[in-house]
Protein backbone atom coordinates (compact mmCIF):
# COMPACT_ATOMS: atom_id res chain seq x y z
CA UNK A 1 -16.34 10.45 -13.47
CA UNK A 2 -14.32 13.62 -13.57
CA UNK A 3 -13.87 15.81 -10.51
CA UNK A 4 -15.16 19.31 -11.27
CA UNK A 5 -15.13 20.83 -7.78
CA UNK A 6 -13.96 19.56 -4.39
CA UNK A 7 -16.03 21.16 -1.66
CA UNK A 8 -15.04 19.30 1.49
CA UNK A 9 -12.24 17.13 2.85
CA UNK A 10 -12.12 15.82 6.39
CA UNK A 11 -11.07 13.12 8.81
CA UNK A 12 -14.00 11.31 10.41
CA UNK A 13 -14.67 10.74 14.09
CA UNK A 14 -14.85 6.97 13.53
CA UNK A 15 -11.18 6.73 14.43
CA UNK A 16 -9.52 8.27 11.42
CA UNK A 17 -11.21 7.52 8.10
CA UNK A 18 -10.69 10.22 5.46
CA UNK A 19 -12.80 11.46 2.62
CA UNK A 20 -13.39 14.29 0.22
CA UNK A 21 -16.67 15.26 -1.43
CA UNK A 22 -16.80 16.52 -4.97
CA UNK A 23 -19.06 17.53 -7.79
CA UNK A 24 -18.63 15.52 -10.96
CA UNK A 25 -19.00 16.36 -14.62
CA UNK A 26 -22.14 14.19 -14.68
CA UNK A 27 -24.01 16.66 -12.45
CA UNK A 28 -23.93 14.52 -9.28
CA UNK A 29 -21.78 14.59 -6.18
CA UNK A 30 -19.61 11.78 -4.82
CA UNK A 31 -17.26 10.98 -1.97
CA UNK A 32 -13.77 9.53 -2.27
CA UNK A 33 -13.41 7.60 0.99
CA UNK A 34 -10.63 5.65 2.72
CA UNK A 35 -11.72 3.70 5.77
CA UNK A 36 -9.46 3.28 8.76
CA UNK A 37 -8.38 -0.11 10.06
CA UNK A 38 -7.75 1.35 13.53
CA UNK A 39 -10.17 -0.99 15.27
CA UNK A 40 -9.39 -4.19 13.39
CA UNK A 41 -8.37 -7.08 15.65
CA UNK A 42 -5.82 -8.40 13.17
CA UNK A 43 -3.15 -5.83 12.31
CA UNK A 44 -1.93 -5.58 8.71
CA UNK A 45 0.85 -3.73 6.93
CA UNK A 46 -1.36 -0.75 6.19
CA UNK A 47 -3.66 1.42 8.26
CA UNK A 48 -6.46 1.89 5.69
CA UNK A 49 -8.60 -0.10 3.30
CA UNK A 50 -8.25 0.78 -0.40
CA UNK A 51 -10.35 3.77 -1.47
CA UNK A 52 -13.99 3.60 -2.48
CA UNK A 53 -16.05 6.18 -4.33
CA UNK A 54 -19.61 6.55 -3.07
CA UNK A 55 -22.56 8.20 -4.78
CA UNK A 56 -23.62 11.10 -2.54
CA UNK A 57 -21.35 10.12 0.33
CA UNK A 58 -20.33 7.06 2.31
CA UNK A 59 -23.53 7.16 4.36
CA UNK A 60 -25.51 6.33 1.21
CA UNK A 61 -23.67 2.98 1.01
CA UNK A 62 -23.97 3.28 -2.80
CA UNK A 63 -20.54 2.19 -4.02
CA UNK A 64 -19.74 3.49 -7.48
CA UNK A 65 -16.17 2.28 -7.72
CA UNK A 66 -13.61 0.41 -5.65
CA UNK A 67 -10.08 1.54 -6.43
CA UNK A 68 -6.72 -0.15 -6.09
CA UNK A 69 -4.00 1.95 -4.52
CA UNK A 70 -2.44 2.52 -7.96
CA UNK A 71 -5.78 3.65 -9.41
CA UNK A 72 -6.30 5.94 -6.42
CA UNK A 73 -2.88 7.52 -6.91
CA UNK A 74 -3.76 8.32 -10.52
CA UNK A 75 -7.18 9.63 -9.45
CA UNK A 76 -5.87 12.13 -6.89
CA UNK A 77 -2.66 13.13 -8.72
CA UNK A 78 -4.17 15.99 -10.77
CA UNK A 79 -6.36 17.26 -7.91
CA UNK A 80 -5.69 20.06 -5.45
CA UNK A 81 -7.67 21.50 -2.58
CA UNK A 82 -6.55 23.99 0.06
CA UNK A 83 -7.05 21.76 3.08
CA UNK A 84 -4.64 20.02 5.44
CA UNK A 85 -7.04 17.06 5.58
CA UNK A 86 -6.97 16.72 1.80
CA UNK A 87 -3.16 16.75 1.79
CA UNK A 88 -3.14 14.08 4.53
CA UNK A 89 -5.54 11.94 2.49
CA UNK A 90 -3.32 12.25 -0.59
CA UNK A 91 -0.28 11.29 1.49
CA UNK A 92 -2.07 8.16 2.75
CA UNK A 93 -3.06 7.25 -0.82
CA UNK A 94 0.49 7.75 -2.06
CA UNK A 95 1.77 5.57 0.81
CA UNK A 96 -0.77 2.86 -0.15
CA UNK A 97 -2.74 3.02 3.06
CA UNK A 98 0.05 3.70 5.51
CA UNK A 99 0.06 6.74 7.78
CA UNK A 100 3.81 7.28 7.42
């Protein structure tokens, strides 16, 4: 699915998950979502799970696609949106799930 219009990007109050919502060329809207690992008992090398694209948002629980970090980098590379949260999300993707 091709991103036609990004209309929201934010960090969530669940402890730091990020997402952006967008309209697609298929006439539906989706959410690109990266879930935080902030509350995991076992610490790993990264702070986030690999990205997931949800149909009509993460609350729908309708997963459309699970992306590897490399696929996610390619997905967000051509995109731009005038939001600090979007830029933070892209930085996390480019760092393969690490905050720094």
